Amino acid sequence: MFSWLLDLLFPPKCVLCKSLLSREETDICHRCRQNTPEMEKPKFRLSFVAGWTALWYYKDDVRSSMLRFKFGKKRHYALSYGRALAMHLQQKGFDQYDVLTYIPVSPLRKFHRSYDQVELIAGAVANELDVNLISTLRKIRNTPPQSGFKDVSQRRANVLGAYRIKDSDPIRGKRILLLDDVITTGATASECARVLLVAGAKEVYCAAMAAAHQDKNK
C-alpha cells in the first residue's frame, strides 16, 4: 500500500528524459534505452590509466540529466545511474580489479552541495556488484570547476597536487577501478591515477557515467 501511494504521489520518471515510466520500465524509458547510444571504444587515452570506459556520451538528455543530478538536488538519480553503470562494467569486462574507489569532491563543495555526486554513484555501483567501496583519495584543494578551462594543459594544472592518498595500505600492489561522473579531457582522472600509482597501486582503470565525444589525445 505504501509503495502504491508513493507511486501515485511521485510517479517514477525516466532519469534521462523525465517522461513517466510504465510498469514494465525501470530507471530509463524504452525510448531512451533505444535512442541513447552507449560510448564506443575510447578514442583518446588517459595518462597513467591502463584502460577506461564510459556508459554514455555527455550530450543531449544525458548531459541535462547529469546536470540535474549534480546541481539540481536529484540525488536519487544515483541509484539508477549505479545500476546502469554496473551492468555496463560487466558487459565491457571491467570486473578484474581488487579495489573499487572514486574521485571525491572537495569538502567545501560537498558542504555546499550537501552530497558528493560521484560517491553516491560509486556506492550504488558497489551495492549492485556486491563489492566493497573504499574511499582512497581526498581532495585537499577546492579547485575551480574544470568546465571553466577549455585547454587541456590548463585543466591539468588546475588539478595538479589537488589529491592525496588517505591510506596506501589498501591499494599497495592492487588493481584499482576508479569511478568518476564525467570524463571530458580526463585531466582529473589522470591526476588521481598518478597519485594512486605513486602510492603503490599496481594498475589503475577508470570508468564514468559519461564522456565527451571527441578525438583528442590526452
C-alpha atoms as a PDB file:
ATOM      1  CA  MET A   1       0.000   0.000   0.000  1.00  0.00           C
ATOM      2  CA  PHE A   2       2.816   2.413   0.918  1.00  0.00           C
ATOM      3  CA  SER A   3       4.642   1.673  -2.342  1.00  0.00           C
ATOM      4  CA  TRP A   4       1.432   2.177  -4.303  1.00  0.00           C
ATOM      5  CA  LEU A   5       0.810   5.514  -2.568  1.00  0.00           C
ATOM      6  CA  LEU A   6       4.341   6.714  -3.311  1.00  0.00           C
ATOM      7  CA  ASP A   7       3.937   5.836  -6.994  1.00  0.00           C
ATOM      8  CA  LEU A   8       0.638   7.696  -7.041  1.00  0.00           C
ATOM      9  CA  LEU A   9       2.072  10.843  -5.450  1.00  0.00           C
ATOM     10  CA  PHE A  10       5.509  10.658  -7.058  1.00  0.00           C
ATOM     11  CA  PRO A  11       5.225   8.557 -10.217  1.00  0.00           C
ATOM     12  CA  PRO A  12       8.621   7.218 -11.371  1.00  0.00           C
ATOM     13  CA  LYS A  13      10.158   9.083 -14.272  1.00  0.00           C
ATOM     14  CA  CYS A  14      12.955   8.355 -16.709  1.00  0.00           C
ATOM     15  CA  VAL A  15      16.185   9.808 -15.334  1.00  0.00           C
ATOM     16  CA  LEU A  16      17.189  10.942 -18.825  1.00  0.00           C
ATOM     17  CA  CYS A  17      14.114  12.499 -20.459  1.00  0.00           C
ATOM     18  CA  LYS A  18      11.845  12.797 -17.368  1.00  0.00           C
ATOM     19  CA  SER A  19       8.929  11.045 -19.051  1.00  0.00           C
ATOM     20  CA  LEU A  20       6.668   8.878 -16.902  1.00  0.00           C
ATOM     21  CA  LEU A  21       7.746   5.238 -16.756  1.00  0.00           C
ATOM     22  CA  SER A  22       5.360   2.391 -17.450  1.00  0.00           C
ATOM     23  CA  ARG A  23       5.120  -0.593 -15.119  1.00  0.00           C
ATOM     24  CA  GLU A  24       7.440  -2.516 -17.446  1.00  0.00           C
ATOM     25  CA  GLU A  25      10.138   0.180 -17.370  1.00  0.00           C
ATOM     26  CA  THR A  26      12.802   0.768 -14.716  1.00  0.00           C
ATOM     27  CA  ASP A  27      15.039   3.831 -14.354  1.00  0.00           C
ATOM     28  CA  ILE A  28      15.201   4.626 -18.081  1.00  0.00           C
ATOM     29  CA  CYS A  29      12.307   4.611 -20.554  1.00  0.00           C
ATOM     30  CA  HIS A  30      12.307   2.331 -23.567  1.00  0.00           C
ATOM     31  CA  ARG A  31      12.742   5.246 -25.982  1.00  0.00           C
ATOM     32  CA  CYS A  32      15.879   6.469 -24.209  1.00  0.00           C
ATOM     33  CA  ARG A  33      17.298   2.957 -23.998  1.00  0.00           C
ATOM     34  CA  GLN A  34      16.841   2.652 -27.746  1.00  0.00           C
ATOM     35  CA  ASN A  35      17.988   6.142 -28.740  1.00  0.00           C
ATOM     36  CA  THR A  36      20.795   6.920 -26.289  1.00  0.00           C
ATOM     37  CA  PRO A  37      23.964   5.371 -27.763  1.00  0.00           C
ATOM     38  CA  GLU A  38      26.467   3.824 -25.410  1.00  0.00           C
ATOM     39  CA  MET A  39      30.015   5.052 -25.775  1.00  0.00           C
ATOM     40  CA  GLU A  40      32.148   3.079 -28.170  1.00  0.00           C
ATOM     41  CA  LYS A  41      35.802   2.283 -27.611  1.00  0.00           C
ATOM     42  CA  PRO A  42      37.588   5.396 -26.238  1.00  0.00           C
ATOM     43  CA  LYS A  43      39.253   7.464 -28.951  1.00  0.00           C
ATOM     44  CA  PHE A  44      41.799   9.079 -26.658  1.00  0.00           C
ATOM     45  CA  ARG A  45      43.949   7.732 -23.860  1.00  0.00           C
ATOM     46  CA  LEU A  46      44.237   8.871 -20.277  1.00  0.00           C
ATOM     47  CA  SER A  47      47.683   9.334 -18.807  1.00  0.00           C
ATOM     48  CA  PHE A  48      48.540   6.832 -16.043  1.00  0.00           C
ATOM     49  CA  VAL A  49      45.338   4.874 -16.764  1.00  0.00           C
ATOM     50  CA  ALA A  50      45.622   1.299 -18.066  1.00  0.00           C
ATOM     51  CA  GLY A  51      42.181   1.418 -19.642  1.00  0.00           C
ATOM     52  CA  TRP A  52      38.900   3.268 -19.323  1.00  0.00           C
ATOM     53  CA  THR A  53      35.267   3.238 -20.348  1.00  0.00           C
ATOM     54  CA  ALA A  54      32.118   5.308 -20.023  1.00  0.00           C
ATOM     55  CA  LEU A  55      28.476   4.378 -20.375  1.00  0.00           C
ATOM     56  CA  TRP A  56      27.184   7.293 -22.473  1.00  0.00           C
ATOM     57  CA  TYR A  57      28.313  10.364 -24.363  1.00  0.00           C
ATOM     58  CA  TYR A  58      27.952  13.594 -22.423  1.00  0.00           C
ATOM     59  CA  LYS A  59      25.375  15.350 -24.597  1.00  0.00           C
ATOM     60  CA  ASP A  60      21.632  15.915 -25.078  1.00  0.00           C
ATOM     61  CA  ASP A  61      19.426  14.193 -22.462  1.00  0.00           C
ATOM     62  CA  VAL A  62      22.422  12.590 -20.750  1.00  0.00           C
ATOM     63  CA  ARG A  63      24.015  15.986 -20.138  1.00  0.00           C
ATOM     64  CA  SER A  64      20.734  17.503 -18.918  1.00  0.00           C
ATOM     65  CA  SER A  65      20.148  14.559 -16.604  1.00  0.00           C
ATOM     66  CA  MET A  66      23.605  14.726 -15.056  1.00  0.00           C
ATOM     67  CA  LEU A  67      23.350  18.482 -14.539  1.00  0.00           C
ATOM     68  CA  ARG A  68      20.072  17.943 -12.665  1.00  0.00           C
ATOM     69  CA  PHE A  69      21.767  15.263 -10.590  1.00  0.00           C
ATOM     70  CA  LYS A  70      24.820  17.380  -9.842  1.00  0.00           C
ATOM     71  CA  PHE A  71      23.263  20.796  -9.299  1.00  0.00           C
ATOM     72  CA  GLY A  72      19.518  20.205  -9.037  1.00  0.00           C
ATOM     73  CA  LYS A  73      19.440  18.039  -5.892  1.00  0.00           C
ATOM     74  CA  LYS A  74      18.317  14.952  -7.826  1.00  0.00           C
ATOM     75  CA  ARG A  75      20.487  12.733  -5.673  1.00  0.00           C
ATOM     76  CA  HIS A  76      18.108   9.790  -6.094  1.00  0.00           C
ATOM     77  CA  TYR A  77      19.339   9.518  -9.703  1.00  0.00           C
ATOM     78  CA  ALA A  78      22.446   7.834  -8.277  1.00  0.00           C
ATOM     79  CA  LEU A  79      20.594   4.536  -7.835  1.00  0.00           C
ATOM     80  CA  SER A  80      19.546   4.467 -11.487  1.00  0.00           C
ATOM     81  CA  TYR A  81      22.981   5.548 -12.662  1.00  0.00           C
ATOM     82  CA  GLY A  82      24.647   2.940 -10.485  1.00  0.00           C
ATOM     83  CA  ARG A  83      22.535   0.108 -11.830  1.00  0.00           C
ATOM     84  CA  ALA A  84      23.212   1.157 -15.427  1.00  0.00           C
ATOM     85  CA  LEU A  85      26.951   1.621 -14.918  1.00  0.00           C
ATOM     86  CA  ALA A  86      27.325  -1.680 -13.054  1.00  0.00           C
ATOM     87  CA  MET A  87      25.742  -3.542 -15.967  1.00  0.00           C
ATOM     88  CA  HIS A  88      27.993  -1.691 -18.417  1.00  0.00           C
ATOM     89  CA  LEU A  89      31.116  -2.627 -16.445  1.00  0.00           C
ATOM     90  CA  GLN A  90      30.169  -6.289 -16.504  1.00  0.00           C
ATOM     91  CA  GLN A  91      29.411  -6.222 -20.224  1.00  0.00           C
ATOM     92  CA  LYS A  92      32.696  -4.481 -21.048  1.00  0.00           C
ATOM     93  CA  GLY A  93      34.788  -6.807 -18.888  1.00  0.00           C
ATOM     94  CA  PHE A  94      35.778  -4.183 -16.318  1.00  0.00           C
ATOM     95  CA  ASP A  95      35.465  -6.651 -13.477  1.00  0.00           C
ATOM     96  CA  GLN A  96      39.099  -7.653 -12.929  1.00  0.00           C
ATOM     97  CA  TYR A  97      40.037  -5.293 -10.096  1.00  0.00           C
ATOM     98  CA  ASP A  98      40.900  -5.515  -6.424  1.00  0.00           C
ATOM     99  CA  VAL A  99      39.714  -2.139  -5.158  1.00  0.00           C
ATOM    100  CA  LEU A 100      36.681  -0.086  -6.201  1.00  0.00           C
ATOM    101  CA  THR A 101      37.065   3.603  -5.407  1.00  0.00           C
ATOM    102  CA  TYR A 102      36.039   7.033  -6.692  1.00  0.00           C
ATOM    103  CA  ILE A 103      37.209  10.593  -7.329  1.00  0.00           C
ATOM    104  CA  PRO A 104      35.944  12.790  -4.458  1.00  0.00           C
ATOM    105  CA  VAL A 105      34.868  16.419  -4.492  1.00  0.00           C
ATOM    106  CA  SER A 106      36.415  18.864  -2.032  1.00  0.00           C
ATOM    107  CA  PRO A 107      34.936  19.103   1.491  1.00  0.00           C
ATOM    108  CA  LEU A 108      33.796  22.667   0.758  1.00  0.00           C
ATOM    109  CA  ARG A 109      31.981  21.655  -2.427  1.00  0.00           C
ATOM    110  CA  LYS A 110      30.391  18.691  -0.674  1.00  0.00           C
ATOM    111  CA  PHE A 111      29.217  21.030   2.107  1.00  0.00           C
ATOM    112  CA  HIS A 112      27.577  23.450  -0.316  1.00  0.00           C
ATOM    113  CA  ARG A 113      26.048  20.691  -2.459  1.00  0.00           C
ATOM    114  CA  SER A 114      25.186  18.529   0.583  1.00  0.00           C
ATOM    115  CA  TYR A 115      26.464  15.405  -1.179  1.00  0.00           C
ATOM    116  CA  ASP A 116      29.320  14.070  -3.301  1.00  0.00           C
ATOM    117  CA  GLN A 117      27.714  13.006  -6.564  1.00  0.00           C
ATOM    118  CA  VAL A 118      30.449  10.537  -7.538  1.00  0.00           C
ATOM    119  CA  GLU A 119      30.430   8.938  -4.098  1.00  0.00           C
ATOM    120  CA  LEU A 120      26.674   8.321  -4.473  1.00  0.00           C
ATOM    121  CA  ILE A 121      27.119   6.713  -7.895  1.00  0.00           C
ATOM    122  CA  ALA A 122      30.042   4.617  -6.646  1.00  0.00           C
ATOM    123  CA  GLY A 123      28.013   3.446  -3.665  1.00  0.00           C
ATOM    124  CA  ALA A 124      25.192   2.352  -5.955  1.00  0.00           C
ATOM    125  CA  VAL A 125      27.635   0.518  -8.248  1.00  0.00           C
ATOM    126  CA  ALA A 126      29.245  -1.234  -5.279  1.00  0.00           C
ATOM    127  CA  ASN A 127      25.847  -2.292  -3.973  1.00  0.00           C
ATOM    128  CA  GLU A 128      24.783  -3.597  -7.375  1.00  0.00           C
ATOM    129  CA  LEU A 129      28.024  -5.565  -7.836  1.00  0.00           C
ATOM    130  CA  ASP A 130      28.110  -6.658  -4.181  1.00  0.00           C
ATOM    131  CA  VAL A 131      31.644  -5.355  -3.603  1.00  0.00           C
ATOM    132  CA  ASN A 132      33.181  -3.068  -1.013  1.00  0.00           C
ATOM    133  CA  LEU A 133      33.664   0.587  -1.868  1.00  0.00           C
ATOM    134  CA  ILE A 134      36.891   2.037  -0.452  1.00  0.00           C
ATOM    135  CA  SER A 135      37.487   5.764  -0.116  1.00  0.00           C
ATOM    136  CA  THR A 136      41.157   6.069  -1.076  1.00  0.00           C
ATOM    137  CA  LEU A 137      41.539   9.731  -2.045  1.00  0.00           C
ATOM    138  CA  ARG A 138      40.848  13.097  -0.508  1.00  0.00           C
ATOM    139  CA  LYS A 139      40.795  16.425  -2.262  1.00  0.00           C
ATOM    140  CA  ILE A 140      42.933  18.928  -0.414  1.00  0.00           C
ATOM    141  CA  ARG A 141      42.248  21.984  -2.598  1.00  0.00           C
ATOM    142  CA  ASN A 142      38.896  23.395  -3.631  1.00  0.00           C
ATOM    143  CA  THR A 143      39.891  23.923  -7.262  1.00  0.00           C
ATOM    144  CA  PRO A 144      37.799  25.922  -9.738  1.00  0.00           C
ATOM    145  CA  PRO A 145      35.466  23.715 -11.821  1.00  0.00           C
ATOM    146  CA  GLN A 146      37.223  22.039 -14.735  1.00  0.00           C
ATOM    147  CA  SER A 147      34.423  23.213 -17.008  1.00  0.00           C
ATOM    148  CA  GLY A 148      35.864  26.708 -16.726  1.00  0.00           C
ATOM    149  CA  PHE A 149      39.017  25.649 -18.584  1.00  0.00           C
ATOM    150  CA  LYS A 150      38.914  24.717 -22.254  1.00  0.00           C
ATOM    151  CA  ASP A 151      42.616  23.997 -22.725  1.00  0.00           C
ATOM    152  CA  VAL A 152      43.882  20.560 -21.676  1.00  0.00           C
ATOM    153  CA  SER A 153      47.063  21.969 -20.155  1.00  0.00           C
ATOM    154  CA  GLN A 154      45.022  24.371 -18.017  1.00  0.00           C
ATOM    155  CA  ARG A 155      42.870  21.515 -16.753  1.00  0.00           C
ATOM    156  CA  ARG A 156      45.959  19.502 -15.853  1.00  0.00           C
ATOM    157  CA  ALA A 157      47.472  22.436 -13.988  1.00  0.00           C
ATOM    158  CA  ASN A 158      44.212  23.085 -12.159  1.00  0.00           C
ATOM    159  CA  VAL A 159      44.139  19.637 -10.515  1.00  0.00           C
ATOM    160  CA  LEU A 160      47.878  19.041 -10.139  1.00  0.00           C
ATOM    161  CA  GLY A 161      48.555  18.232  -6.489  1.00  0.00           C
ATOM    162  CA  ALA A 162      44.884  18.591  -5.552  1.00  0.00           C
ATOM    163  CA  TYR A 163      44.500  14.985  -4.351  1.00  0.00           C
ATOM    164  CA  ARG A 164      46.194  12.968  -1.622  1.00  0.00           C
ATOM    165  CA  ILE A 165      46.067   9.330  -0.581  1.00  0.00           C
ATOM    166  CA  LYS A 166      44.221   8.606   2.655  1.00  0.00           C
ATOM    167  CA  ASP A 167      45.999   5.327   3.350  1.00  0.00           C
ATOM    168  CA  SER A 168      48.298   3.482   0.964  1.00  0.00           C
ATOM    169  CA  ASP A 169      47.895   0.050   2.608  1.00  0.00           C
ATOM    170  CA  PRO A 170      44.569  -0.896   0.924  1.00  0.00           C
ATOM    171  CA  ILE A 171      45.894  -0.095  -2.560  1.00  0.00           C
ATOM    172  CA  ARG A 172      49.512  -1.261  -2.480  1.00  0.00           C
ATOM    173  CA  GLY A 173      50.042  -3.815  -5.258  1.00  0.00           C
ATOM    174  CA  LYS A 174      46.345  -3.754  -6.166  1.00  0.00           C
ATOM    175  CA  ARG A 175      44.427  -3.164  -9.376  1.00  0.00           C
ATOM    176  CA  ILE A 176      42.179  -0.153  -8.912  1.00  0.00           C
ATOM    177  CA  LEU A 177      38.894   0.691 -10.614  1.00  0.00           C
ATOM    178  CA  LEU A 178      38.435   4.448 -10.242  1.00  0.00           C
ATOM    179  CA  LEU A 179      34.930   5.861 -10.808  1.00  0.00           C
ATOM    180  CA  ASP A 180      34.008   9.365 -11.966  1.00  0.00           C
ATOM    181  CA  ASP A 181      30.831  11.024 -13.203  1.00  0.00           C
ATOM    182  CA  VAL A 182      32.015  12.721 -16.405  1.00  0.00           C
ATOM    183  CA  ILE A 183      35.270  12.477 -18.349  1.00  0.00           C
ATOM    184  CA  THR A 184      35.940  15.402 -20.678  1.00  0.00           C
ATOM    185  CA  THR A 185      39.688  15.518 -21.261  1.00  0.00           C
ATOM    186  CA  GLY A 186      40.483  13.124 -18.429  1.00  0.00           C
ATOM    187  CA  ALA A 187      42.788  15.538 -16.590  1.00  0.00           C
ATOM    188  CA  THR A 188      41.219  14.804 -13.198  1.00  0.00           C
ATOM    189  CA  ALA A 189      41.137  11.034 -13.679  1.00  0.00           C
ATOM    190  CA  SER A 190      44.762  11.061 -14.866  1.00  0.00           C
ATOM    191  CA  GLU A 191      45.931  13.048 -11.846  1.00  0.00           C
ATOM    192  CA  CYS A 192      44.101  10.729  -9.448  1.00  0.00           C
ATOM    193  CA  ALA A 193      45.536   7.692 -11.217  1.00  0.00           C
ATOM    194  CA  ARG A 194      49.020   9.167 -10.914  1.00  0.00           C
ATOM    195  CA  VAL A 195      48.546   9.669  -7.172  1.00  0.00           C
ATOM    196  CA  LEU A 196      47.306   6.091  -6.763  1.00  0.00           C
ATOM    197  CA  LEU A 197      50.254   4.666  -8.699  1.00  0.00           C
ATOM    198  CA  VAL A 198      52.776   6.708  -6.716  1.00  0.00           C
ATOM    199  CA  ALA A 199      51.178   5.331  -3.553  1.00  0.00           C
ATOM    200  CA  GLY A 200      51.829   1.771  -4.735  1.00  0.00           C
ATOM    201  CA  ALA A 201      48.849   0.713  -6.840  1.00  0.00           C
ATOM    202  CA  LYS A 202      49.674  -1.885  -9.496  1.00  0.00           C
ATOM    203  CA  GLU A 203      47.303  -0.598 -12.197  1.00  0.00           C
ATOM    204  CA  VAL A 204      44.506   1.939 -12.395  1.00  0.00           C
ATOM    205  CA  TYR A 205      41.443   1.603 -14.610  1.00  0.00           C
ATOM    206  CA  CYS A 206      38.740   4.224 -14.856  1.00  0.00           C
ATOM    207  CA  ALA A 207      35.012   4.227 -15.552  1.00  0.00           C
ATOM    208  CA  ALA A 208      32.490   7.051 -15.768  1.00  0.00           C
ATOM    209  CA  MET A 209      28.830   7.618 -16.445  1.00  0.00           C
ATOM    210  CA  ALA A 210      29.563   9.771 -19.484  1.00  0.00           C
ATOM    211  CA  ALA A 211      32.410  11.089 -21.604  1.00  0.00           C
ATOM    212  CA  ALA A 212      32.888  13.876 -24.103  1.00  0.00           C
ATOM    213  CA  HIS A 213      32.605  12.828 -27.724  1.00  0.00           C
ATOM    214  CA  GLN A 214      35.965  13.928 -29.081  1.00  0.00           C
ATOM    215  CA  ASP A 215      39.032  12.530 -30.769  1.00  0.00           C
ATOM    216  CA  LYS A 216      41.774  14.206 -28.790  1.00  0.00           C
ATOM    217  CA  ASN A 217      44.928  12.617 -27.428  1.00  0.00           C
ATOM    218  CA  LYS A 218      45.062  13.094 -23.673  1.00  0.00           C
END
